[in-house]
N, C-alpha and C. Protein backbone atom coordinates (compact mmCIF):
# COMPACT_ATOMS: atom_id res chain seq x y z
N UNK A 1 32.85 31.80 -162.13
CA UNK A 1 34.01 32.17 -161.33
C UNK A 1 35.04 30.73 -161.32
N UNK A 2 36.09 30.75 -161.96
CA UNK A 2 37.13 29.91 -162.01
C UNK A 2 37.84 29.38 -160.41
N UNK A 3 37.97 28.41 -160.00
CA UNK A 3 38.12 28.11 -158.83
C UNK A 3 39.63 27.62 -159.15
N UNK A 4 40.51 27.60 -157.78
CA UNK A 4 42.00 27.16 -157.92
C UNK A 4 42.21 26.60 -156.53
N UNK A 5 42.82 25.53 -156.79
CA UNK A 5 42.86 24.54 -155.88
C UNK A 5 44.48 25.09 -155.19
N UNK A 6 44.23 24.97 -153.83
CA UNK A 6 45.27 25.47 -153.03
C UNK A 6 46.09 24.40 -152.13
N UNK A 7 46.95 24.39 -151.63
CA UNK A 7 47.63 23.59 -150.84
C UNK A 7 48.44 24.37 -149.68
N UNK A 8 48.32 23.34 -148.50
CA UNK A 8 49.03 24.24 -147.30
C UNK A 8 49.73 23.21 -146.67
N UNK A 9 51.39 23.15 -146.53
CA UNK A 9 52.29 22.55 -146.31
C UNK A 9 52.14 21.81 -144.88
N UNK A 10 51.91 20.84 -144.92
CA UNK A 10 51.50 20.07 -143.27
C UNK A 10 51.40 18.77 -143.63
N UNK A 11 51.73 18.00 -142.25
CA UNK A 11 51.75 16.72 -142.39
C UNK A 11 50.57 16.20 -141.57
N UNK A 12 49.58 17.31 -141.14
CA UNK A 12 48.35 17.07 -140.43
C UNK A 12 47.34 17.60 -140.90
N UNK A 13 45.82 17.39 -140.88
CA UNK A 13 44.82 17.99 -141.30
C UNK A 13 44.64 19.42 -140.20
N UNK A 14 44.54 20.46 -141.08
CA UNK A 14 44.43 21.75 -140.30
C UNK A 14 42.74 21.88 -140.48
N UNK A 15 42.11 21.68 -139.38
CA UNK A 15 40.57 21.83 -139.61
C UNK A 15 40.33 23.30 -139.52
N UNK A 16 40.67 23.93 -138.72
CA UNK A 16 40.61 25.69 -139.08
C UNK A 16 41.76 26.42 -138.88
N UNK A 17 42.36 26.71 -140.08
CA UNK A 17 43.31 27.36 -140.46
C UNK A 17 43.45 28.87 -139.30
N UNK A 18 44.39 29.11 -138.61
CA UNK A 18 44.54 30.43 -137.55
C UNK A 18 45.86 31.19 -138.37
N UNK A 19 45.53 32.44 -138.58
CA UNK A 19 46.49 33.14 -139.16
C UNK A 19 47.54 33.87 -138.28
N UNK A 20 47.10 33.74 -136.98
CA UNK A 20 48.05 34.07 -135.95
C UNK A 20 49.01 32.93 -135.44
N UNK A 21 48.76 31.79 -135.92
CA UNK A 21 49.92 30.60 -135.44
C UNK A 21 51.16 30.88 -136.21
N UNK A 22 52.29 30.58 -135.79
CA UNK A 22 53.32 30.16 -136.59
C UNK A 22 54.49 31.39 -136.19
N UNK A 23 55.40 30.94 -136.60
CA UNK A 23 56.66 32.05 -136.10
C UNK A 23 56.42 33.41 -136.71
N UNK A 24 56.83 34.21 -135.96
CA UNK A 24 56.65 35.75 -135.97
C UNK A 24 57.88 35.85 -137.08
N UNK A 25 58.95 35.57 -136.92
CA UNK A 25 60.08 35.71 -137.85
C UNK A 25 59.98 34.85 -139.26
N UNK A 26 58.99 34.28 -139.61
CA UNK A 26 58.84 33.63 -140.82
C UNK A 26 59.14 34.61 -141.92
N UNK A 27 59.50 34.21 -143.34
CA UNK A 27 59.71 35.00 -144.34
C UNK A 27 58.98 35.98 -144.57
N UNK A 28 57.40 36.07 -144.57
CA UNK A 28 56.36 37.11 -144.79
C UNK A 28 55.73 37.39 -143.40
N UNK A 29 56.01 37.05 -142.13
CA UNK A 29 55.53 37.15 -140.98
C UNK A 29 54.61 35.81 -140.72
N UNK A 30 53.72 36.06 -139.76
CA UNK A 30 53.07 34.81 -139.15
C UNK A 30 51.65 34.91 -140.28
N UNK A 31 51.28 33.90 -140.35
CA UNK A 31 50.31 33.58 -141.05
C UNK A 31 49.96 32.12 -141.62
N UNK A 32 48.89 31.79 -142.26
CA UNK A 32 48.60 30.60 -143.04
C UNK A 32 48.72 30.45 -144.51
N UNK A 33 50.28 30.02 -144.82
CA UNK A 33 50.26 29.97 -146.18
C UNK A 33 49.96 28.97 -147.00
N UNK A 34 49.65 29.40 -148.16
CA UNK A 34 49.10 28.27 -149.29
C UNK A 34 49.89 28.36 -150.38
N UNK A 35 49.92 27.41 -151.11
CA UNK A 35 50.36 27.51 -152.61
C UNK A 35 49.62 26.45 -153.65
N UNK A 36 49.92 27.19 -154.83
CA UNK A 36 49.10 26.14 -155.88
C UNK A 36 49.81 24.88 -156.27
N UNK A 37 51.23 25.03 -155.91
CA UNK A 37 52.14 23.73 -156.19
C UNK A 37 52.10 22.54 -155.23
N UNK A 38 51.66 21.70 -155.48
CA UNK A 38 51.55 20.32 -154.90
C UNK A 38 52.73 20.00 -154.52
N UNK A 39 53.41 19.79 -155.45
CA UNK A 39 55.02 19.24 -155.14
C UNK A 39 55.64 19.99 -154.20
N UNK A 40 55.69 21.39 -154.23
CA UNK A 40 56.22 22.28 -153.32
C UNK A 40 55.80 21.94 -151.58
N UNK A 41 54.35 22.00 -151.73
CA UNK A 41 53.68 21.56 -150.52
C UNK A 41 54.23 20.45 -149.93
N UNK A 42 54.39 19.44 -150.76
CA UNK A 42 54.65 18.03 -150.30
C UNK A 42 56.20 18.06 -149.92
N UNK A 43 57.10 18.72 -150.34
CA UNK A 43 58.46 18.74 -150.04
C UNK A 43 58.69 19.36 -148.77
N UNK A 44 57.59 20.61 -148.58
CA UNK A 44 57.97 21.63 -147.43
C UNK A 44 57.37 20.69 -146.20
N UNK A 45 56.51 19.92 -146.42
CA UNK A 45 55.81 19.15 -145.27
C UNK A 45 56.65 18.05 -144.79
N UNK A 46 57.43 17.43 -145.75
CA UNK A 46 58.39 16.39 -145.50
C UNK A 46 59.58 17.20 -144.76
N UNK A 47 60.02 18.29 -145.03
CA UNK A 47 60.64 18.86 -144.41
C UNK A 47 60.61 19.27 -142.97
N UNK A 48 59.15 19.92 -142.68
CA UNK A 48 58.84 20.27 -141.36
C UNK A 48 58.77 18.86 -140.57
N UNK A 49 58.35 17.79 -141.23
CA UNK A 49 58.31 16.60 -140.31
C UNK A 49 59.71 16.33 -140.14
N UNK A 50 60.47 16.15 -140.91
CA UNK A 50 62.13 15.79 -140.68
C UNK A 50 62.29 16.66 -139.43
N UNK A 51 62.44 18.02 -139.56
CA UNK A 51 63.12 18.60 -138.17
C UNK A 51 62.34 18.32 -137.11
N UNK A 52 60.89 18.09 -137.19
CA UNK A 52 60.38 17.87 -135.75
C UNK A 52 60.79 16.41 -135.36
N UNK A 53 60.99 15.62 -136.29
CA UNK A 53 61.30 14.44 -135.61
C UNK A 53 63.03 14.54 -135.18
N UNK A 54 63.84 15.18 -135.77
CA UNK A 54 65.04 15.69 -135.16
C UNK A 54 64.89 16.08 -133.79
N UNK A 55 64.13 17.01 -133.61
CA UNK A 55 63.84 17.69 -132.08
C UNK A 55 63.38 16.52 -131.34
N UNK A 56 62.46 15.79 -131.59
CA UNK A 56 62.11 14.58 -130.56
C UNK A 56 63.22 14.08 -130.26
N UNK A 57 63.93 13.62 -131.19
CA UNK A 57 65.12 12.53 -130.86
C UNK A 57 66.15 13.16 -130.07
N UNK A 58 66.29 14.16 -130.12
CA UNK A 58 67.23 15.12 -129.16
C UNK A 58 66.88 15.18 -128.04
N UNK A 59 65.58 15.39 -127.72
CA UNK A 59 64.82 15.48 -126.75
C UNK A 59 64.59 14.06 -125.69
N UNK A 60 64.54 13.09 -126.47
CA UNK A 60 64.57 11.83 -126.02
C UNK A 60 65.89 11.49 -125.55
N UNK A 61 67.11 12.01 -126.36
CA UNK A 61 68.53 11.55 -125.92
C UNK A 61 68.80 12.67 -124.55
N UNK A 62 68.13 13.82 -124.70
CA UNK A 62 68.52 14.64 -123.50
C UNK A 62 67.96 13.79 -122.17
N UNK A 63 66.96 13.40 -122.17
CA UNK A 63 66.16 12.55 -121.13
C UNK A 63 66.95 11.34 -120.82
N UNK A 64 67.22 10.64 -121.60
CA UNK A 64 68.06 9.60 -121.28
C UNK A 64 69.67 10.15 -120.63
N UNK A 65 69.97 10.94 -121.00
CA UNK A 65 71.25 11.22 -120.32
C UNK A 65 71.21 11.82 -118.80
N UNK A 66 69.82 12.52 -118.63
CA UNK A 66 69.39 13.03 -117.29
C UNK A 66 69.15 11.81 -116.64
N UNK A 67 68.64 10.63 -117.10
CA UNK A 67 68.44 9.67 -116.34
C UNK A 67 69.56 8.83 -115.75
N UNK A 68 70.46 8.78 -116.67
CA UNK A 68 71.92 8.21 -116.33
C UNK A 68 72.79 8.91 -115.29
N UNK A 69 72.37 10.10 -115.33
CA UNK A 69 73.23 11.18 -114.37
C UNK A 69 72.79 10.93 -112.91
């Protein structure tokens, strides 16, 4: 049997994939998505990390604004 190498777009190691985790309104519903395209997985992981960093920065700004008032 021929083996194929699959990638999951993440910036953390996923020890136990959970098909019930994730957004219910994702393109194909909840699930643990894989791709054969390493460059696609890397691009998507970088985008996910960028979005998380933006949300983190917004939360810090919100907390600082609350502290000033």
